[in-house]
Amino acid sequence: MCPEGPSIPRITTCMMQHKSELSPGCRAIVDRDTAPPQQAVKTDPDLE
């Protein structure tokens, strides 16, 4: 599916372009790795 060779950015781009063809497990990893980072929740120091 992605004959781009040993270039991680190229393989990642190819996998994103063919995401619908990936297995559910691979698709979950691609989704996880390409999701925007979540911000940490700040806690109130008085509550600790």
PDB file of N, CA and C in Angstrom:
ATOM      1  N   MET A   1       0.830  -1.190   0.000  1.00  0.00           N
ATOM      2  CA  MET A   1       0.000   0.000   0.000  1.00  0.00           C
ATOM      3  C   MET A   1       0.876   1.257   0.000  1.00  0.00           C
ATOM      4  N   CYS A   2       1.942   1.283   0.794  1.00  0.00           N
ATOM      5  CA  CYS A   2       2.782   2.480   0.907  1.00  0.00           C
ATOM      6  C   CYS A   2       4.238   2.128   0.592  1.00  0.00           C
ATOM      7  N   PRO A   3       4.623   2.146  -0.684  1.00  0.00           N
ATOM      8  CA  PRO A   3       5.983   1.746  -1.067  1.00  0.00           C
ATOM      9  C   PRO A   3       7.013   2.872  -0.960  1.00  0.00           C
ATOM     10  N   GLU A   4       6.806   3.834  -0.077  1.00  0.00           N
ATOM     11  CA  GLU A   4       7.657   5.014  -0.015  1.00  0.00           C
ATOM     12  C   GLU A   4       9.054   4.758   0.543  1.00  0.00           C
ATOM     13  N   GLY A   5       9.323   3.605   1.082  1.00  0.00           N
ATOM     14  CA  GLY A   5      10.641   3.315   1.620  1.00  0.00           C
ATOM     15  C   GLY A   5      10.736   3.682   3.090  1.00  0.00           C
ATOM     16  N   PRO A   6      11.954   3.708   3.610  1.00  0.00           N
ATOM     17  CA  PRO A   6      12.128   3.873   5.055  1.00  0.00           C
ATOM     18  C   PRO A   6      12.044   5.322   5.545  1.00  0.00           C
ATOM     19  N   SER A   7      11.098   6.065   5.069  1.00  0.00           N
ATOM     20  CA  SER A   7      10.923   7.452   5.499  1.00  0.00           C
ATOM     21  C   SER A   7       9.637   7.548   6.320  1.00  0.00           C
ATOM     22  N   ILE A   8       9.776   7.735   7.615  1.00  0.00           N
ATOM     23  CA  ILE A   8       8.607   7.772   8.492  1.00  0.00           C
ATOM     24  C   ILE A   8       7.612   8.850   8.072  1.00  0.00           C
ATOM     25  N   PRO A   9       8.040  10.082   7.776  1.00  0.00           N
ATOM     26  CA  PRO A   9       7.044  11.083   7.356  1.00  0.00           C
ATOM     27  C   PRO A   9       6.280  10.678   6.090  1.00  0.00           C
ATOM     28  N   ARG A  10       6.965  10.074   5.131  1.00  0.00           N
ATOM     29  CA  ARG A  10       6.290   9.642   3.900  1.00  0.00           C
ATOM     30  C   ARG A  10       5.315   8.504   4.165  1.00  0.00           C
ATOM     31  N   ILE A  11       5.727   7.560   4.986  1.00  0.00           N
ATOM     32  CA  ILE A  11       4.854   6.439   5.315  1.00  0.00           C
ATOM     33  C   ILE A  11       3.634   6.936   6.083  1.00  0.00           C
ATOM     34  N   THR A  12       3.851   7.856   7.015  1.00  0.00           N
ATOM     35  CA  THR A  12       2.738   8.419   7.786  1.00  0.00           C
ATOM     36  C   THR A  12       1.757   9.127   6.868  1.00  0.00           C
ATOM     37  N   THR A  13       2.265   9.920   5.928  1.00  0.00           N
ATOM     38  CA  THR A  13       1.403  10.614   4.975  1.00  0.00           C
ATOM     39  C   THR A  13       0.614   9.608   4.152  1.00  0.00           C
ATOM     40  N   CYS A  14       1.273   8.573   3.686  1.00  0.00           N
ATOM     41  CA  CYS A  14       0.601   7.548   2.887  1.00  0.00           C
ATOM     42  C   CYS A  14      -0.495   6.859   3.700  1.00  0.00           C
ATOM     43  N   MET A  15      -0.178   6.521   4.949  1.00  0.00           N
ATOM     44  CA  MET A  15      -1.169   5.852   5.784  1.00  0.00           C
ATOM     45  C   MET A  15      -2.370   6.757   6.044  1.00  0.00           C
ATOM     46  N   MET A  16      -2.142   8.049   6.195  1.00  0.00           N
ATOM     47  CA  MET A  16      -3.251   8.987   6.385  1.00  0.00           C
ATOM     48  C   MET A  16      -4.115   9.041   5.121  1.00  0.00           C
ATOM     49  N   GLN A  17      -3.473   9.013   3.957  1.00  0.00           N
ATOM     50  CA  GLN A  17      -4.201   9.060   2.690  1.00  0.00           C
ATOM     51  C   GLN A  17      -5.011   7.786   2.456  1.00  0.00           C
ATOM     52  N   HIS A  18      -4.567   6.668   3.024  1.00  0.00           N
ATOM     53  CA  HIS A  18      -5.232   5.370   2.834  1.00  0.00           C
ATOM     54  C   HIS A  18      -5.869   4.886   4.136  1.00  0.00           C
ATOM     55  N   LYS A  19      -6.203   5.798   5.007  1.00  0.00           N
ATOM     56  CA  LYS A  19      -6.720   5.444   6.334  1.00  0.00           C
ATOM     57  C   LYS A  19      -7.930   4.515   6.269  1.00  0.00           C
ATOM     58  N   SER A  20      -8.805   4.730   5.294  1.00  0.00           N
ATOM     59  CA  SER A  20     -10.003   3.896   5.187  1.00  0.00           C
ATOM     60  C   SER A  20      -9.668   2.443   4.855  1.00  0.00           C
ATOM     61  N   GLU A  21      -8.471   2.194   4.340  1.00  0.00           N
ATOM     62  CA  GLU A  21      -8.053   0.844   3.979  1.00  0.00           C
ATOM     63  C   GLU A  21      -7.336   0.119   5.122  1.00  0.00           C
ATOM     64  N   LEU A  22      -7.026   0.831   6.204  1.00  0.00           N
ATOM     65  CA  LEU A  22      -6.295   0.233   7.319  1.00  0.00           C
ATOM     66  C   LEU A  22      -7.218  -0.626   8.168  1.00  0.00           C
ATOM     67  N   SER A  23      -6.618  -1.560   8.885  1.00  0.00           N
ATOM     68  CA  SER A  23      -7.394  -2.372   9.823  1.00  0.00           C
ATOM     69  C   SER A  23      -7.840  -1.477  10.978  1.00  0.00           C
ATOM     70  N   PRO A  24      -8.872  -1.875  11.712  1.00  0.00           N
ATOM     71  CA  PRO A  24      -9.321  -1.060  12.843  1.00  0.00           C
ATOM     72  C   PRO A  24      -8.205  -0.781  13.853  1.00  0.00           C
ATOM     73  N   GLY A  25      -7.346  -1.761  14.101  1.00  0.00           N
ATOM     74  CA  GLY A  25      -6.245  -1.563  15.046  1.00  0.00           C
ATOM     75  C   GLY A  25      -5.253  -0.522  14.553  1.00  0.00           C
ATOM     76  N   CYS A  26      -4.868  -0.609  13.282  1.00  0.00           N
ATOM     77  CA  CYS A  26      -3.943   0.376  12.709  1.00  0.00           C
ATOM     78  C   CYS A  26      -4.582   1.760  12.674  1.00  0.00           C
ATOM     79  N   ARG A  27      -5.853   1.806  12.332  1.00  0.00           N
ATOM     80  CA  ARG A  27      -6.556   3.084  12.268  1.00  0.00           C
ATOM     81  C   ARG A  27      -6.586   3.746  13.643  1.00  0.00           C
ATOM     82  N   ALA A  28      -6.778   2.965  14.703  1.00  0.00           N
ATOM     83  CA  ALA A  28      -6.793   3.508  16.063  1.00  0.00           C
ATOM     84  C   ALA A  28      -5.443   4.117  16.424  1.00  0.00           C
ATOM     85  N   ILE A  29      -4.352   3.460  16.015  1.00  0.00           N
ATOM     86  CA  ILE A  29      -3.015   3.990  16.300  1.00  0.00           C
ATOM     87  C   ILE A  29      -2.780   5.277  15.523  1.00  0.00           C
ATOM     88  N   VAL A  30      -3.161   5.304  14.252  1.00  0.00           N
ATOM     89  CA  VAL A  30      -2.995   6.509  13.436  1.00  0.00           C
ATOM     90  C   VAL A  30      -3.801   7.655  14.049  1.00  0.00           C
ATOM     91  N   ASP A  31      -5.039   7.373  14.459  1.00  0.00           N
ATOM     92  CA  ASP A  31      -5.863   8.406  15.083  1.00  0.00           C
ATOM     93  C   ASP A  31      -5.226   8.913  16.371  1.00  0.00           C
ATOM     94  N   ARG A  32      -4.725   8.000  17.177  1.00  0.00           N
ATOM     95  CA  ARG A  32      -4.103   8.393  18.453  1.00  0.00           C
ATOM     96  C   ARG A  32      -2.859   9.251  18.209  1.00  0.00           C
ATOM     97  N   ASP A  33      -2.037   8.823  17.263  1.00  0.00           N
ATOM     98  CA  ASP A  33      -0.778   9.521  17.026  1.00  0.00           C
ATOM     99  C   ASP A  33      -0.945  10.853  16.305  1.00  0.00           C
ATOM    100  N   THR A  34      -2.067  11.059  15.644  1.00  0.00           N
ATOM    101  CA  THR A  34      -2.259  12.311  14.911  1.00  0.00           C
ATOM    102  C   THR A  34      -3.242  13.249  15.600  1.00  0.00           C
ATOM    103  N   ALA A  35      -3.777  12.838  16.743  1.00  0.00           N
ATOM    104  CA  ALA A  35      -4.706  13.698  17.475  1.00  0.00           C
ATOM    105  C   ALA A  35      -3.947  14.874  18.078  1.00  0.00           C
ATOM    106  N   PRO A  36      -4.589  16.051  18.156  1.00  0.00           N
ATOM    107  CA  PRO A  36      -3.914  17.191  18.786  1.00  0.00           C
ATOM    108  C   PRO A  36      -3.670  16.886  20.263  1.00  0.00           C
ATOM    109  N   PRO A  37      -2.572  17.374  20.806  1.00  0.00           N
ATOM    110  CA  PRO A  37      -2.269  17.102  22.214  1.00  0.00           C
ATOM    111  C   PRO A  37      -3.323  17.721  23.127  1.00  0.00           C
ATOM    112  N   GLN A  38      -3.649  17.000  24.180  1.00  0.00           N
ATOM    113  CA  GLN A  38      -4.609  17.515  25.142  1.00  0.00           C
ATOM    114  C   GLN A  38      -3.865  18.304  26.201  1.00  0.00           C
ATOM    115  N   GLN A  39      -4.495  19.373  26.659  1.00  0.00           N
ATOM    116  CA  GLN A  39      -3.868  20.193  27.681  1.00  0.00           C
ATOM    117  C   GLN A  39      -4.093  19.558  29.047  1.00  0.00           C
ATOM    118  N   ALA A  40      -3.101  19.715  29.902  1.00  0.00           N
ATOM    119  CA  ALA A  40      -3.207  19.189  31.260  1.00  0.00           C
ATOM    120  C   ALA A  40      -4.246  20.003  32.039  1.00  0.00           C
ATOM    121  N   VAL A  41      -4.932  19.318  32.900  1.00  0.00           N
ATOM    122  CA  VAL A  41      -5.930  19.983  33.737  1.00  0.00           C
ATOM    123  C   VAL A  41      -5.215  20.557  34.952  1.00  0.00           C
ATOM    124  N   LYS A  42      -5.400  21.849  35.170  1.00  0.00           N
ATOM    125  CA  LYS A  42      -4.784  22.482  36.332  1.00  0.00           C
ATOM    126  C   LYS A  42      -5.686  22.263  37.542  1.00  0.00           C
ATOM    127  N   THR A  43      -5.052  21.973  38.648  1.00  0.00           N
ATOM    128  CA  THR A  43      -5.814  21.778  39.881  1.00  0.00           C
ATOM    129  C   THR A  43      -5.600  22.957  40.805  1.00  0.00           C
ATOM    130  N   ASP A  44      -6.532  23.175  41.653  1.00  0.00           N
ATOM    131  CA  ASP A  44      -6.434  24.249  42.653  1.00  0.00           C
ATOM    132  C   ASP A  44      -5.560  23.747  43.782  1.00  0.00           C
ATOM    133  N   PRO A  45      -4.441  24.419  44.070  1.00  0.00           N
ATOM    134  CA  PRO A  45      -3.542  23.935  45.133  1.00  0.00           C
ATOM    135  C   PRO A  45      -4.217  23.892  46.504  1.00  0.00           C
ATOM    136  N   ASP A  46      -5.264  24.680  46.706  1.00  0.00           N
ATOM    137  CA  ASP A  46      -5.972  24.681  47.982  1.00  0.00           C
ATOM    138  C   ASP A  46      -6.778  23.399  48.185  1.00  0.00           C
ATOM    139  N   LEU A  47      -7.084  22.684  47.101  1.00  0.00           N
ATOM    140  CA  LEU A  47      -7.876  21.479  47.195  1.00  0.00           C
ATOM    141  C   LEU A  47      -7.017  20.245  47.470  1.00  0.00           C
ATOM    142  N   GLU A  48      -5.735  20.372  47.367  1.00  0.00           N
ATOM    143  CA  GLU A  48      -4.859  19.215  47.553  1.00  0.00           C
ATOM    144  C   GLU A  48      -4.469  19.034  48.974  1.00  0.00           C
TER     145      GLU A  48
END
